[in-house]
Amino acid sequence: MHETAVAQNILDTILEQANKVSARPVRAIISCGQFNALNDEVMQFAFEAAAENTPCQGMRLEIKHIPLRAKCRKCKEVFVFDVYSFACPKCKAEESDFEPDAPLLLEEIEFKNGEDS
């Protein structure tokens, strides 16, 4: 279950940034591609467990899934790849190559300043 390791790494990064800005984290956005996909429920659970008794406890974690893109070998059209309908939407050819998949990224951390936490 790689979500547990990902959750811990994200938590460590958020805590490091929170210490740098002396603020409490309240929300974070992560994104992942299809080959680096996360199970949302498992990730939420793993993050909540890792964040327990830390300044990140109770913060909101949002996960964005970036679609996989492919490039048609025939007409060179770049399109969102659909495993159930993988033909090129432009020329209907069924031979394509995957574009680089989106990496797993911590995109944004929102902090709350002040003592009213």
N, C-alpha and C. Protein backbone atom coordinates (compact mmCIF):
# COMPACT_ATOMS: atom_id res chain seq x y z
N MET A 1 0.85 -1.18 0.00
CA MET A 1 0.00 0.00 0.00
C MET A 1 0.90 1.24 0.00
N HIS A 2 1.18 1.80 -1.17
CA HIS A 2 2.11 2.92 -1.23
C HIS A 2 1.51 4.21 -0.73
N GLU A 3 0.19 4.26 -0.53
CA GLU A 3 -0.44 5.46 -0.01
C GLU A 3 0.09 5.84 1.37
N THR A 4 0.42 4.83 2.19
CA THR A 4 0.94 5.10 3.53
C THR A 4 2.28 5.83 3.46
N ALA A 5 3.16 5.38 2.59
CA ALA A 5 4.46 6.04 2.43
C ALA A 5 4.28 7.43 1.82
N VAL A 6 3.39 7.55 0.86
CA VAL A 6 3.13 8.86 0.24
C VAL A 6 2.56 9.82 1.29
N ALA A 7 1.61 9.34 2.08
CA ALA A 7 1.01 10.19 3.12
C ALA A 7 2.06 10.68 4.10
N GLN A 8 2.95 9.80 4.51
CA GLN A 8 3.99 10.21 5.46
C GLN A 8 4.95 11.23 4.85
N ASN A 9 5.33 11.02 3.59
CA ASN A 9 6.22 11.97 2.92
C ASN A 9 5.55 13.34 2.75
N ILE A 10 4.28 13.34 2.38
CA ILE A 10 3.55 14.60 2.24
C ILE A 10 3.44 15.30 3.58
N LEU A 11 3.10 14.53 4.61
CA LEU A 11 2.99 15.09 5.95
C LEU A 11 4.31 15.72 6.39
N ASP A 12 5.40 15.02 6.17
CA ASP A 12 6.72 15.55 6.55
C ASP A 12 7.01 16.87 5.85
N THR A 13 6.69 16.94 4.56
CA THR A 13 6.92 18.16 3.79
C THR A 13 6.04 19.30 4.30
N ILE A 14 4.78 19.01 4.57
CA ILE A 14 3.87 20.04 5.07
C ILE A 14 4.33 20.55 6.43
N LEU A 15 4.73 19.65 7.31
CA LEU A 15 5.21 20.07 8.63
C LEU A 15 6.47 20.92 8.52
N GLU A 16 7.35 20.55 7.61
CA GLU A 16 8.58 21.33 7.39
C GLU A 16 8.24 22.75 6.93
N GLN A 17 7.31 22.85 5.98
CA GLN A 17 6.90 24.17 5.48
C GLN A 17 6.16 24.97 6.56
N ALA A 18 5.34 24.30 7.36
CA ALA A 18 4.62 24.97 8.44
C ALA A 18 5.59 25.57 9.45
N ASN A 19 6.65 24.85 9.74
CA ASN A 19 7.67 25.37 10.66
C ASN A 19 8.38 26.58 10.07
N LYS A 20 8.62 26.56 8.78
CA LYS A 20 9.31 27.68 8.12
C LYS A 20 8.48 28.96 8.16
N VAL A 21 7.16 28.83 8.00
CA VAL A 21 6.30 30.02 7.95
C VAL A 21 5.59 30.29 9.27
N SER A 22 5.83 29.45 10.25
CA SER A 22 5.21 29.58 11.59
C SER A 22 3.69 29.73 11.49
N ALA A 23 3.06 28.80 10.78
CA ALA A 23 1.62 28.83 10.61
C ALA A 23 1.08 27.41 10.62
N ARG A 24 -0.21 27.29 10.87
CA ARG A 24 -0.86 25.98 10.93
C ARG A 24 -1.42 25.63 9.55
N PRO A 25 -1.08 24.45 9.02
CA PRO A 25 -1.63 24.04 7.72
C PRO A 25 -3.10 23.66 7.87
N VAL A 26 -3.92 24.11 6.92
CA VAL A 26 -5.35 23.80 6.97
C VAL A 26 -5.84 23.03 5.74
N ARG A 27 -5.07 23.12 4.65
CA ARG A 27 -5.48 22.43 3.41
C ARG A 27 -4.26 22.21 2.54
N ALA A 28 -4.26 21.07 1.84
CA ALA A 28 -3.21 20.79 0.86
C ALA A 28 -3.84 20.15 -0.37
N ILE A 29 -3.22 20.42 -1.51
CA ILE A 29 -3.67 19.82 -2.77
C ILE A 29 -2.51 19.01 -3.34
N ILE A 30 -2.79 17.76 -3.65
CA ILE A 30 -1.81 16.92 -4.33
C ILE A 30 -2.40 16.50 -5.66
N SER A 31 -1.53 16.20 -6.62
CA SER A 31 -2.00 15.71 -7.91
C SER A 31 -1.18 14.49 -8.29
N CYS A 32 -1.79 13.65 -9.11
CA CYS A 32 -1.09 12.45 -9.57
C CYS A 32 -1.60 12.07 -10.95
N GLY A 33 -0.74 11.42 -11.70
CA GLY A 33 -1.11 10.91 -13.00
C GLY A 33 -1.75 9.54 -12.86
N GLN A 34 -1.97 8.89 -13.97
CA GLN A 34 -2.63 7.59 -13.97
C GLN A 34 -1.69 6.44 -13.60
N PHE A 35 -0.41 6.57 -13.92
CA PHE A 35 0.54 5.53 -13.56
C PHE A 35 1.03 5.70 -12.13
N ASN A 36 0.86 6.90 -11.59
CA ASN A 36 1.20 7.20 -10.20
C ASN A 36 -0.08 7.38 -9.38
N ALA A 37 -1.12 6.71 -9.78
CA ALA A 37 -2.44 6.94 -9.20
C ALA A 37 -2.50 6.56 -7.73
N LEU A 38 -3.36 7.28 -7.01
CA LEU A 38 -3.62 7.02 -5.61
C LEU A 38 -5.08 6.62 -5.46
N ASN A 39 -5.34 5.75 -4.52
CA ASN A 39 -6.72 5.45 -4.14
C ASN A 39 -7.12 6.54 -3.15
N ASP A 40 -8.11 7.34 -3.50
CA ASP A 40 -8.49 8.50 -2.69
C ASP A 40 -8.84 8.13 -1.26
N GLU A 41 -9.66 7.11 -1.08
CA GLU A 41 -10.09 6.72 0.27
C GLU A 41 -8.92 6.23 1.11
N VAL A 42 -8.07 5.41 0.52
CA VAL A 42 -6.92 4.89 1.25
C VAL A 42 -5.95 6.02 1.59
N MET A 43 -5.75 6.93 0.63
CA MET A 43 -4.86 8.06 0.86
C MET A 43 -5.39 8.96 1.97
N GLN A 44 -6.68 9.26 1.95
CA GLN A 44 -7.28 10.09 3.00
C GLN A 44 -7.10 9.44 4.36
N PHE A 45 -7.37 8.15 4.44
CA PHE A 45 -7.22 7.42 5.70
C PHE A 45 -5.77 7.43 6.18
N ALA A 46 -4.84 7.15 5.26
CA ALA A 46 -3.42 7.11 5.62
C ALA A 46 -2.93 8.48 6.08
N PHE A 47 -3.40 9.54 5.40
CA PHE A 47 -2.97 10.88 5.79
C PHE A 47 -3.55 11.26 7.14
N GLU A 48 -4.81 10.97 7.37
CA GLU A 48 -5.43 11.27 8.67
C GLU A 48 -4.71 10.53 9.80
N ALA A 49 -4.36 9.27 9.56
CA ALA A 49 -3.66 8.49 10.59
C ALA A 49 -2.27 9.07 10.86
N ALA A 50 -1.56 9.43 9.80
CA ALA A 50 -0.21 9.98 9.97
C ALA A 50 -0.25 11.36 10.63
N ALA A 51 -1.30 12.13 10.36
CA ALA A 51 -1.40 13.50 10.86
C ALA A 51 -1.89 13.58 12.31
N GLU A 52 -2.37 12.47 12.82
CA GLU A 52 -2.90 12.47 14.19
C GLU A 52 -1.84 12.97 15.17
N ASN A 53 -2.27 13.87 16.07
CA ASN A 53 -1.41 14.47 17.10
C ASN A 53 -0.28 15.31 16.52
N THR A 54 -0.49 15.86 15.32
CA THR A 54 0.47 16.80 14.73
C THR A 54 -0.30 18.07 14.39
N PRO A 55 0.39 19.15 14.04
CA PRO A 55 -0.33 20.37 13.62
C PRO A 55 -1.19 20.16 12.36
N CYS A 56 -1.01 19.05 11.67
CA CYS A 56 -1.79 18.76 10.46
C CYS A 56 -3.09 18.02 10.75
N GLN A 57 -3.30 17.64 12.00
CA GLN A 57 -4.52 16.92 12.35
C GLN A 57 -5.73 17.78 11.98
N GLY A 58 -6.67 17.20 11.27
CA GLY A 58 -7.90 17.89 10.88
C GLY A 58 -7.80 18.70 9.61
N MET A 59 -6.62 18.78 9.01
CA MET A 59 -6.52 19.56 7.77
C MET A 59 -7.16 18.81 6.61
N ARG A 60 -7.53 19.53 5.58
CA ARG A 60 -8.19 18.95 4.41
C ARG A 60 -7.14 18.62 3.34
N LEU A 61 -7.21 17.41 2.83
CA LEU A 61 -6.33 16.96 1.75
C LEU A 61 -7.17 16.74 0.50
N GLU A 62 -6.82 17.44 -0.58
CA GLU A 62 -7.53 17.28 -1.85
C GLU A 62 -6.61 16.57 -2.83
N ILE A 63 -7.19 15.66 -3.60
CA ILE A 63 -6.41 14.87 -4.56
C ILE A 63 -6.97 15.11 -5.96
N LYS A 64 -6.10 15.57 -6.86
CA LYS A 64 -6.48 15.77 -8.26
C LYS A 64 -5.84 14.67 -9.10
N HIS A 65 -6.64 14.06 -9.95
CA HIS A 65 -6.13 13.03 -10.85
C HIS A 65 -5.98 13.64 -12.25
N ILE A 66 -4.77 13.61 -12.77
CA ILE A 66 -4.46 14.18 -14.07
C ILE A 66 -4.62 13.08 -15.12
N PRO A 67 -5.46 13.30 -16.12
CA PRO A 67 -5.67 12.26 -17.14
C PRO A 67 -4.40 11.93 -17.93
N LEU A 68 -4.30 10.70 -18.36
CA LEU A 68 -3.21 10.24 -19.19
C LEU A 68 -3.46 10.70 -20.62
N ARG A 69 -2.44 11.21 -21.27
CA ARG A 69 -2.57 11.69 -22.65
C ARG A 69 -1.78 10.77 -23.57
N ALA A 70 -2.25 10.69 -24.79
CA ALA A 70 -1.59 9.87 -25.80
C ALA A 70 -1.45 10.69 -27.08
N LYS A 71 -0.51 10.28 -27.93
CA LYS A 71 -0.28 10.94 -29.21
C LYS A 71 -0.47 9.91 -30.32
N CYS A 72 -1.37 10.23 -31.23
CA CYS A 72 -1.68 9.34 -32.35
C CYS A 72 -0.46 9.19 -33.24
N ARG A 73 -0.13 7.96 -33.59
CA ARG A 73 1.01 7.72 -34.48
C ARG A 73 0.71 8.15 -35.92
N LYS A 74 -0.56 8.17 -36.29
CA LYS A 74 -0.93 8.50 -37.66
C LYS A 74 -1.03 10.01 -37.89
N CYS A 75 -1.86 10.69 -37.11
CA CYS A 75 -2.11 12.12 -37.37
C CYS A 75 -1.43 13.05 -36.36
N LYS A 76 -0.78 12.47 -35.34
CA LYS A 76 -0.03 13.23 -34.32
C LYS A 76 -0.93 14.01 -33.36
N GLU A 77 -2.22 13.77 -33.37
CA GLU A 77 -3.15 14.40 -32.42
C GLU A 77 -2.82 13.93 -31.00
N VAL A 78 -2.79 14.86 -30.06
CA VAL A 78 -2.61 14.52 -28.64
C VAL A 78 -3.99 14.57 -28.01
N PHE A 79 -4.35 13.50 -27.29
CA PHE A 79 -5.70 13.39 -26.73
C PHE A 79 -5.66 12.69 -25.38
N VAL A 80 -6.73 12.86 -24.61
CA VAL A 80 -6.86 12.16 -23.34
C VAL A 80 -7.14 10.70 -23.64
N PHE A 81 -6.29 9.84 -23.13
CA PHE A 81 -6.41 8.40 -23.40
C PHE A 81 -7.54 7.80 -22.57
N ASP A 82 -8.38 7.03 -23.22
CA ASP A 82 -9.48 6.34 -22.56
C ASP A 82 -9.32 4.85 -22.84
N VAL A 83 -9.13 4.07 -21.80
CA VAL A 83 -8.88 2.64 -21.96
C VAL A 83 -10.07 1.93 -22.63
N TYR A 84 -11.26 2.50 -22.52
CA TYR A 84 -12.45 1.88 -23.11
C TYR A 84 -12.72 2.34 -24.53
N SER A 85 -12.08 3.41 -24.94
CA SER A 85 -12.23 3.94 -26.29
C SER A 85 -10.91 4.58 -26.68
N PHE A 86 -9.95 3.75 -27.03
CA PHE A 86 -8.59 4.23 -27.20
C PHE A 86 -8.25 4.72 -28.60
N ALA A 87 -9.21 4.76 -29.49
CA ALA A 87 -8.95 5.26 -30.85
C ALA A 87 -8.77 6.78 -30.81
N CYS A 88 -7.97 7.27 -31.70
CA CYS A 88 -7.76 8.71 -31.83
C CYS A 88 -9.09 9.38 -32.15
N PRO A 89 -9.46 10.41 -31.43
CA PRO A 89 -10.74 11.07 -31.71
C PRO A 89 -10.75 11.81 -33.04
N LYS A 90 -9.59 12.12 -33.58
CA LYS A 90 -9.51 12.87 -34.83
C LYS A 90 -9.58 11.96 -36.06
N CYS A 91 -8.70 10.93 -36.09
CA CYS A 91 -8.62 10.09 -37.30
C CYS A 91 -9.07 8.65 -37.06
N LYS A 92 -9.38 8.30 -35.84
CA LYS A 92 -9.89 6.97 -35.44
C LYS A 92 -8.83 5.86 -35.50
N ALA A 93 -7.56 6.22 -35.72
CA ALA A 93 -6.49 5.22 -35.68
C ALA A 93 -6.38 4.68 -34.26
N GLU A 94 -5.96 3.43 -34.14
CA GLU A 94 -5.86 2.81 -32.82
C GLU A 94 -4.42 2.59 -32.37
N GLU A 95 -3.50 3.26 -33.02
CA GLU A 95 -2.10 3.16 -32.61
C GLU A 95 -1.63 4.52 -32.10
N SER A 96 -1.23 4.52 -30.84
CA SER A 96 -0.77 5.77 -30.24
C SER A 96 0.32 5.47 -29.21
N ASP A 97 0.99 6.50 -28.80
CA ASP A 97 2.03 6.40 -27.78
C ASP A 97 1.64 7.29 -26.61
N PHE A 98 1.91 6.80 -25.41
CA PHE A 98 1.61 7.60 -24.22
C PHE A 98 2.54 8.79 -24.12
N GLU A 99 1.98 9.91 -23.73
CA GLU A 99 2.77 11.08 -23.37
C GLU A 99 3.28 10.85 -21.95
N PRO A 100 4.28 11.60 -21.50
CA PRO A 100 4.74 11.42 -20.12
C PRO A 100 3.59 11.61 -19.13
N ASP A 101 3.53 10.72 -18.15
CA ASP A 101 2.48 10.78 -17.14
C ASP A 101 2.79 11.89 -16.14
N ALA A 102 1.75 12.46 -15.58
CA ALA A 102 1.92 13.50 -14.57
C ALA A 102 2.54 12.88 -13.32
N PRO A 103 3.52 13.54 -12.72
CA PRO A 103 4.12 13.00 -11.51
C PRO A 103 3.22 13.23 -10.29
N LEU A 104 3.55 12.58 -9.22
CA LEU A 104 2.88 12.81 -7.95
C LEU A 104 3.47 14.07 -7.35
N LEU A 105 2.63 15.09 -7.14
CA LEU A 105 3.12 16.39 -6.67
C LEU A 105 2.28 16.91 -5.51
N LEU A 106 2.95 17.57 -4.59
CA LEU A 106 2.28 18.39 -3.59
C LEU A 106 2.21 19.77 -4.21
N GLU A 107 1.01 20.15 -4.68
CA GLU A 107 0.86 21.38 -5.45
C GLU A 107 0.71 22.63 -4.60
N GLU A 108 0.00 22.51 -3.50
CA GLU A 108 -0.34 23.71 -2.74
C GLU A 108 -0.56 23.36 -1.28
N ILE A 109 -0.14 24.26 -0.40
CA ILE A 109 -0.43 24.15 1.02
C ILE A 109 -1.05 25.47 1.45
N GLU A 110 -2.19 25.40 2.11
CA GLU A 110 -2.84 26.60 2.64
C GLU A 110 -2.61 26.64 4.15
N PHE A 111 -2.19 27.80 4.64
CA PHE A 111 -1.89 27.96 6.06
C PHE A 111 -2.84 28.96 6.70
N LYS A 112 -2.99 28.82 7.99
CA LYS A 112 -3.78 29.77 8.79
C LYS A 112 -2.83 30.38 9.81
N ASN A 113 -2.71 31.69 9.76
CA ASN A 113 -1.84 32.39 10.70
C ASN A 113 -2.61 32.74 11.97
N GLY A 114 -1.87 32.99 13.01
CA GLY A 114 -2.47 33.47 14.24
C GLY A 114 -2.71 32.36 15.25
N GLU A 115 -3.20 32.76 16.39
CA GLU A 115 -3.40 31.85 17.51
C GLU A 115 -4.80 31.24 17.55
N ASP A 116 -5.67 31.60 16.62
CA ASP A 116 -7.06 31.14 16.67
C ASP A 116 -7.26 29.80 15.98
N SER A 117 -6.44 28.83 16.29
CA SER A 117 -6.55 27.51 15.67
C SER A 117 -7.42 26.67 16.46
